[in-house]
């Protein structure tokens, strides 16, 4: 039985991609090993968002490449955001790499391991994983991430995500709830909802209130102790969403929110739409909301291209 080792870098959204790939490999009979030195196939799922992340990804690829000469590794596959940016350069400059697959190719992982570079990928620009996609969870048993959307429609001046992941594509409420039930059946008690902008969820299929409806739907999932929303944007928060959160007992009173900056001129240079004041947001929250707002802060204009 072929042993496969995984190196997953970057954000929780990328981790979900790794778990989907691991799920496919397990279904195909591959043995997943946490000991990289004994793996016959190594998969590096990369991040390509900022310079530090790109450097970390390159170092991980080089580490894996060294195992082809010093360890049991016979095949090296590189996946993820770095591939979307530098596929040709990676293949040309790192001959140890046997094949690359991007963010919309992940469910073809077993085929590409079997055939290597000779396998012709069939990228689907509208790709979304679903509740039917196999996943092998790598988080602690009681918790899991659930990706409700893929891609991004924002055009922030400093961000390359739309180039890496494509336009916003939201899963249906039914699909997300079905996956939540699947996760609960595996023993998961806490779910963290992730997406590039979770508060943009549903707008691509014409429903600006979709996240509010999803919150209420997840509230009825038996056995789901609590869930929380990550990657919320202040300009997308509505009274309806905050009210749904306040009225749904298993929805954590918590929002992970990128403030980015408080200066209007900097926000304009960043092409950020979220220029409203947080005090106004909090003052307008409905009674009982009582949310915590972990914030991501940047000093000046962060260039992430």
Protein backbone atom coordinates (compact mmCIF):
# COMPACT_ATOMS: atom_id res chain seq x y z
CA UNK A 1 0.00 0.00 0.00
CA UNK A 2 1.47 3.35 -1.08
CA UNK A 3 2.15 5.72 1.81
CA UNK A 4 1.34 9.42 1.32
CA UNK A 5 2.60 12.27 3.50
CA UNK A 6 1.00 15.73 3.56
CA UNK A 7 2.37 19.18 4.32
CA UNK A 8 -0.47 21.70 4.55
CA UNK A 9 0.39 25.40 4.77
CA UNK A 10 -1.60 28.62 4.98
CA UNK A 11 -5.11 29.41 6.16
CA UNK A 12 -7.99 27.25 7.39
CA UNK A 13 -9.56 27.42 3.92
CA UNK A 14 -6.45 25.75 2.52
CA UNK A 15 -6.60 23.18 5.33
CA UNK A 16 -10.10 22.20 4.19
CA UNK A 17 -8.68 21.65 0.69
CA UNK A 18 -6.00 19.39 2.19
CA UNK A 19 -8.64 17.43 4.08
CA UNK A 20 -10.64 16.92 0.87
CA UNK A 21 -7.52 15.64 -0.89
CA UNK A 22 -6.75 13.34 2.04
CA UNK A 23 -10.31 12.05 1.91
CA UNK A 24 -9.98 11.14 -1.78
CA UNK A 25 -6.65 9.41 -1.20
CA UNK A 26 -8.01 7.38 1.70
CA UNK A 27 -10.97 6.30 -0.44
CA UNK A 28 -8.57 5.17 -3.17
CA UNK A 29 -6.69 2.96 -0.73
CA UNK A 30 -3.63 5.08 -0.05
CA UNK A 31 -2.16 4.93 3.44
CA UNK A 32 -1.79 8.36 5.02
CA UNK A 33 1.31 8.68 7.19
CA UNK A 34 2.28 11.50 9.56
CA UNK A 35 5.94 10.47 9.24
CA UNK A 36 7.10 12.31 6.14
CA UNK A 37 10.39 10.41 5.94
CA UNK A 38 8.58 7.12 5.28
CA UNK A 39 6.15 8.48 2.65
CA UNK A 40 6.52 7.28 -0.93
CA UNK A 41 4.44 10.22 -2.13
CA UNK A 42 4.67 13.71 -0.65
CA UNK A 43 2.02 16.38 -1.24
CA UNK A 44 2.77 20.00 -0.34
CA UNK A 45 -0.36 22.17 -0.27
CA UNK A 46 1.06 25.68 -0.51
CA UNK A 47 0.10 29.25 0.33
CA UNK A 48 1.00 32.12 -2.02
CA UNK A 49 -0.67 35.09 -0.34
CA UNK A 50 2.17 37.18 1.12
CA UNK A 51 5.95 37.05 0.74
CA UNK A 52 6.52 35.22 4.03
CA UNK A 53 3.97 32.58 3.05
CA UNK A 54 5.56 32.13 -0.38
CA UNK A 55 8.97 31.69 1.24
CA UNK A 56 7.60 29.14 3.68
CA UNK A 57 6.01 27.22 0.80
CA UNK A 58 9.23 27.18 -1.22
CA UNK A 59 11.16 25.94 1.82
CA UNK A 60 8.60 23.17 2.35
CA UNK A 61 8.90 22.11 -1.29
CA UNK A 62 12.70 22.03 -1.00
CA UNK A 63 12.43 19.97 2.18
CA UNK A 64 10.18 17.50 0.40
CA UNK A 65 12.48 17.47 -2.64
CA UNK A 66 15.43 16.50 -0.43
CA UNK A 67 13.47 13.45 0.70
CA UNK A 68 13.45 12.17 -2.87
CA UNK A 69 17.21 11.67 -2.61
CA UNK A 70 17.57 10.97 1.11
CA UNK A 71 14.29 9.27 2.03
CA UNK A 72 11.59 6.96 0.73
CA UNK A 73 9.87 9.61 -1.41
CA UNK A 74 9.39 8.62 -5.04
CA UNK A 75 6.91 11.27 -6.14
CA UNK A 76 6.41 14.93 -5.17
CA UNK A 77 3.13 16.73 -5.84
CA UNK A 78 2.73 20.46 -5.22
CA UNK A 79 -0.75 21.94 -4.81
CA UNK A 80 -2.48 25.14 -3.75
CA UNK A 81 -2.19 28.88 -4.17
CA UNK A 82 1.51 29.02 -5.03
CA UNK A 83 0.76 26.76 -7.98
CA UNK A 84 -1.93 29.17 -9.19
CA UNK A 85 0.65 31.97 -9.26
CA UNK A 86 3.81 30.18 -10.37
CA UNK A 87 2.93 26.80 -11.89
CA UNK A 88 5.26 27.07 -14.90
CA UNK A 89 8.13 28.52 -12.87
CA UNK A 90 7.86 25.75 -10.25
CA UNK A 91 7.90 23.00 -12.84
CA UNK A 92 10.81 24.60 -14.70
CA UNK A 93 13.01 25.46 -11.71
CA UNK A 94 12.32 22.47 -9.44
CA UNK A 95 12.77 19.28 -11.47
CA UNK A 96 12.05 17.21 -8.35
CA UNK A 97 8.36 18.17 -8.67
CA UNK A 98 6.44 15.48 -10.53
CA UNK A 99 3.16 17.35 -10.93
CA UNK A 100 1.26 20.47 -9.84
CA UNK A 101 -2.42 20.98 -9.20
CA UNK A 102 -4.20 24.21 -8.41
CA UNK A 103 -6.98 25.21 -6.06
CA UNK A 104 -9.70 23.99 -8.43
CA UNK A 105 -8.02 20.64 -9.18
CA UNK A 106 -7.93 19.18 -5.69
CA UNK A 107 -10.45 16.39 -6.25
CA UNK A 108 -8.21 15.00 -9.00
CA UNK A 109 -5.39 14.30 -6.53
CA UNK A 110 -5.57 10.50 -6.75
CA UNK A 111 -5.48 10.53 -10.54
CA UNK A 112 -2.51 12.88 -10.67
CA UNK A 113 -0.55 10.77 -8.19
CA UNK A 114 -1.24 7.73 -10.32
CA UNK A 115 -0.21 9.37 -13.59
CA UNK A 116 2.02 12.31 -12.59
CA UNK A 117 2.65 15.09 -15.09
CA UNK A 118 1.20 12.92 -17.87
CA UNK A 119 -2.29 13.32 -16.39
CA UNK A 120 -4.24 16.09 -18.09
CA UNK A 121 -6.03 18.20 -15.51
CA UNK A 122 -9.52 19.40 -16.28
CA UNK A 123 -9.84 22.58 -14.18
CA UNK A 124 -13.38 23.71 -13.43
CA UNK A 125 -13.47 27.49 -12.84
CA UNK A 126 -16.73 27.05 -10.91
CA UNK A 127 -15.43 24.24 -8.69
CA UNK A 128 -16.87 23.97 -5.17
CA UNK A 129 -16.47 21.06 -2.84
CA UNK A 130 -19.77 19.75 -1.44
CA UNK A 131 -21.08 17.60 1.38
CA UNK A 132 -20.46 14.62 -0.93
CA UNK A 133 -16.74 15.38 -1.17
CA UNK A 134 -14.78 13.02 1.08
CA UNK A 135 -12.85 14.68 3.93
CA UNK A 136 -10.30 13.32 6.36
CA UNK A 137 -10.34 15.70 9.31
CA UNK A 138 -6.98 16.80 10.70
CA UNK A 139 -8.28 19.11 13.44
CA UNK A 140 -8.91 17.92 17.02
CA UNK A 141 -11.88 15.54 17.05
CA UNK A 142 -14.40 17.94 18.58
CA UNK A 143 -13.84 20.80 16.10
CA UNK A 144 -13.73 21.34 12.36
CA UNK A 145 -13.71 24.06 9.73
CA UNK A 146 -16.52 24.27 7.19
CA UNK A 147 -15.93 26.31 4.05
CA UNK A 148 -19.18 27.94 2.93
CA UNK A 149 -17.84 29.70 -0.16
CA UNK A 150 -14.84 29.91 -2.43
CA UNK A 151 -13.16 32.82 -4.19
CA UNK A 152 -13.79 36.54 -3.78
CA UNK A 153 -15.49 39.38 -5.67
CA UNK A 154 -13.69 42.20 -3.86
CA UNK A 155 -11.02 44.14 -5.74
CA UNK A 156 -8.78 45.23 -2.87
CA UNK A 157 -5.64 46.92 -4.17
CA UNK A 158 -3.28 44.81 -2.06
CA UNK A 159 -4.83 41.34 -2.44
CA UNK A 160 -4.22 38.57 -4.96
CA UNK A 161 -6.89 36.14 -3.73
CA UNK A 162 -9.30 36.62 -6.70
CA UNK A 163 -6.44 35.60 -9.01
CA UNK A 164 -5.67 32.54 -6.90
CA UNK A 165 -9.17 31.35 -6.09
CA UNK A 166 -11.43 32.96 -8.68
CA UNK A 167 -14.71 34.77 -8.31
CA UNK A 168 -17.05 34.31 -5.34
CA UNK A 169 -18.92 30.99 -5.41
CA UNK A 170 -21.24 30.16 -2.53
CA UNK A 171 -22.42 26.71 -1.61
CA UNK A 172 -26.14 26.24 -1.09
CA UNK A 173 -27.56 26.42 2.41
CA UNK A 174 -28.69 22.81 2.01
CA UNK A 175 -25.15 21.69 1.14
CA UNK A 176 -23.59 23.48 4.12
CA UNK A 177 -26.18 22.12 6.55
CA UNK A 178 -25.75 18.60 5.15
CA UNK A 179 -22.00 18.79 5.71
CA UNK A 180 -22.53 20.13 9.23
CA UNK A 181 -24.67 17.07 9.97
CA UNK A 182 -21.96 14.82 8.51
CA UNK A 183 -19.36 16.45 10.77
CA UNK A 184 -21.56 16.09 13.85
CA UNK A 185 -22.00 12.41 13.02
CA UNK A 186 -18.19 12.11 13.18
CA UNK A 187 -18.12 13.57 16.69
CA UNK A 188 -17.61 17.26 15.87
CA UNK A 189 -19.15 19.60 18.45
CA UNK A 190 -17.84 22.98 17.21
CA UNK A 191 -17.77 24.24 13.63
CA UNK A 192 -15.96 27.33 12.38
CA UNK A 193 -17.47 28.77 9.20
CA UNK A 194 -14.82 30.07 6.81
CA UNK A 195 -14.70 31.74 3.41
CA UNK A 196 -12.80 34.65 1.93
CA UNK A 197 -15.66 36.91 3.03
CA UNK A 198 -18.30 34.92 4.86
CA UNK A 199 -20.59 37.96 5.07
CA UNK A 200 -20.65 38.04 1.25
CA UNK A 201 -22.11 34.53 1.29
CA UNK A 202 -25.05 34.08 -1.07
CA UNK A 203 -24.78 37.39 -2.88
CA UNK A 204 -23.43 35.62 -5.95
CA UNK A 205 -26.67 33.65 -6.23
CA UNK A 206 -28.79 36.72 -5.54
CA UNK A 207 -29.60 36.37 -1.85
CA UNK A 208 -27.94 39.03 0.35
CA UNK A 209 -29.67 37.52 3.41
CA UNK A 210 -28.30 34.01 2.83
CA UNK A 211 -25.90 34.07 5.79
CA UNK A 212 -28.72 35.06 8.13
CA UNK A 213 -30.75 32.10 6.82
CA UNK A 214 -27.75 29.79 7.14
CA UNK A 215 -27.22 30.81 10.77
CA UNK A 216 -30.84 29.94 11.59
CA UNK A 217 -30.60 26.66 9.66
CA UNK A 218 -27.45 25.60 11.53
CA UNK A 219 -29.27 26.42 14.74
CA UNK A 220 -31.50 23.41 14.10
CA UNK A 221 -28.68 20.90 13.53
CA UNK A 222 -29.06 18.39 16.35
CA UNK A 223 -25.82 17.73 18.23
CA UNK A 224 -24.01 20.85 16.98
CA UNK A 225 -22.94 22.42 20.27
CA UNK A 226 -21.87 25.71 18.73
CA UNK A 227 -20.59 27.33 15.57
CA UNK A 228 -18.83 30.61 14.90
CA UNK A 229 -18.32 32.91 11.92
CA UNK A 230 -14.84 33.82 10.73
CA UNK A 231 -13.74 36.32 8.04
CA UNK A 232 -16.66 38.73 8.49
CA UNK A 233 -16.51 42.19 6.87
CA UNK A 234 -18.00 45.17 8.74
CA UNK A 235 -19.69 46.67 5.69
CA UNK A 236 -21.61 43.45 5.06
CA UNK A 237 -23.02 43.04 8.58
CA UNK A 238 -26.75 43.65 8.82
CA UNK A 239 -29.19 43.97 11.69
CA UNK A 240 -30.85 40.84 10.39
CA UNK A 241 -27.64 38.81 10.62
CA UNK A 242 -26.78 40.10 14.09
CA UNK A 243 -30.32 39.38 15.23
CA UNK A 244 -30.14 35.84 13.83
CA UNK A 245 -26.88 35.30 15.71
CA UNK A 246 -28.39 36.63 18.93
CA UNK A 247 -31.49 34.44 18.57
CA UNK A 248 -29.64 31.22 17.65
CA UNK A 249 -28.47 29.59 20.91
CA UNK A 250 -25.63 27.54 19.41
CA UNK A 251 -24.19 30.46 17.41
CA UNK A 252 -21.19 31.83 19.30
CA UNK A 253 -21.32 35.51 20.23
CA UNK A 254 -18.17 36.02 18.23
CA UNK A 255 -17.09 37.61 14.96
CA UNK A 256 -13.66 37.35 13.40
CA UNK A 257 -13.41 40.62 11.47
CA UNK A 258 -10.61 42.35 9.50
CA UNK A 259 -10.69 46.03 10.51
CA UNK A 260 -7.60 46.60 8.31
CA UNK A 261 -7.34 50.32 9.04
CA UNK A 262 -9.19 53.28 10.57
CA UNK A 263 -7.95 56.02 8.23
CA UNK A 264 -10.31 56.79 5.34
CA UNK A 265 -7.47 57.78 2.99
CA UNK A 266 -5.61 54.52 3.61
CA UNK A 267 -8.78 52.51 3.16
CA UNK A 268 -9.40 54.29 -0.15
CA UNK A 269 -5.87 53.49 -1.31
CA UNK A 270 -6.46 49.89 -0.32
CA UNK A 271 -9.73 49.91 -2.30
CA UNK A 272 -11.48 48.64 0.82
CA UNK A 273 -15.21 49.23 0.95
CA UNK A 274 -15.30 48.75 4.72
CA UNK A 275 -14.73 52.37 5.73
CA UNK A 276 -17.60 52.59 8.24
CA UNK A 277 -16.96 53.08 11.92
CA UNK A 278 -16.94 50.15 14.30
CA UNK A 279 -18.56 52.25 17.02
CA UNK A 280 -21.53 52.83 14.74
CA UNK A 281 -21.66 49.10 14.03
CA UNK A 282 -21.68 48.19 17.71
CA UNK A 283 -24.16 50.92 18.62
CA UNK A 284 -26.52 49.54 16.02
CA UNK A 285 -26.30 45.93 17.20
CA UNK A 286 -29.66 44.56 18.35
CA UNK A 287 -30.24 43.88 22.06
CA UNK A 288 -28.66 40.64 23.26
CA UNK A 289 -26.07 40.46 20.48
CA UNK A 290 -23.15 40.93 22.86
CA UNK A 291 -20.53 39.94 20.28
CA UNK A 292 -16.80 39.73 20.66
CA UNK A 293 -14.93 41.15 17.67
CA UNK A 294 -11.40 39.74 17.20
CA UNK A 295 -9.76 42.17 14.78
CA UNK A 296 -7.04 41.95 12.16
CA UNK A 297 -5.11 45.24 12.14
CA UNK A 298 -2.65 46.61 9.56
CA UNK A 299 -0.47 49.65 9.94
CA UNK A 300 -0.22 51.53 6.67
CA UNK A 301 -1.00 49.87 3.36
CA UNK A 302 -0.07 46.15 3.16
CA UNK A 303 1.06 45.07 -0.29
CA UNK A 304 0.33 41.42 -0.86
CA UNK A 305 0.82 41.06 -4.57
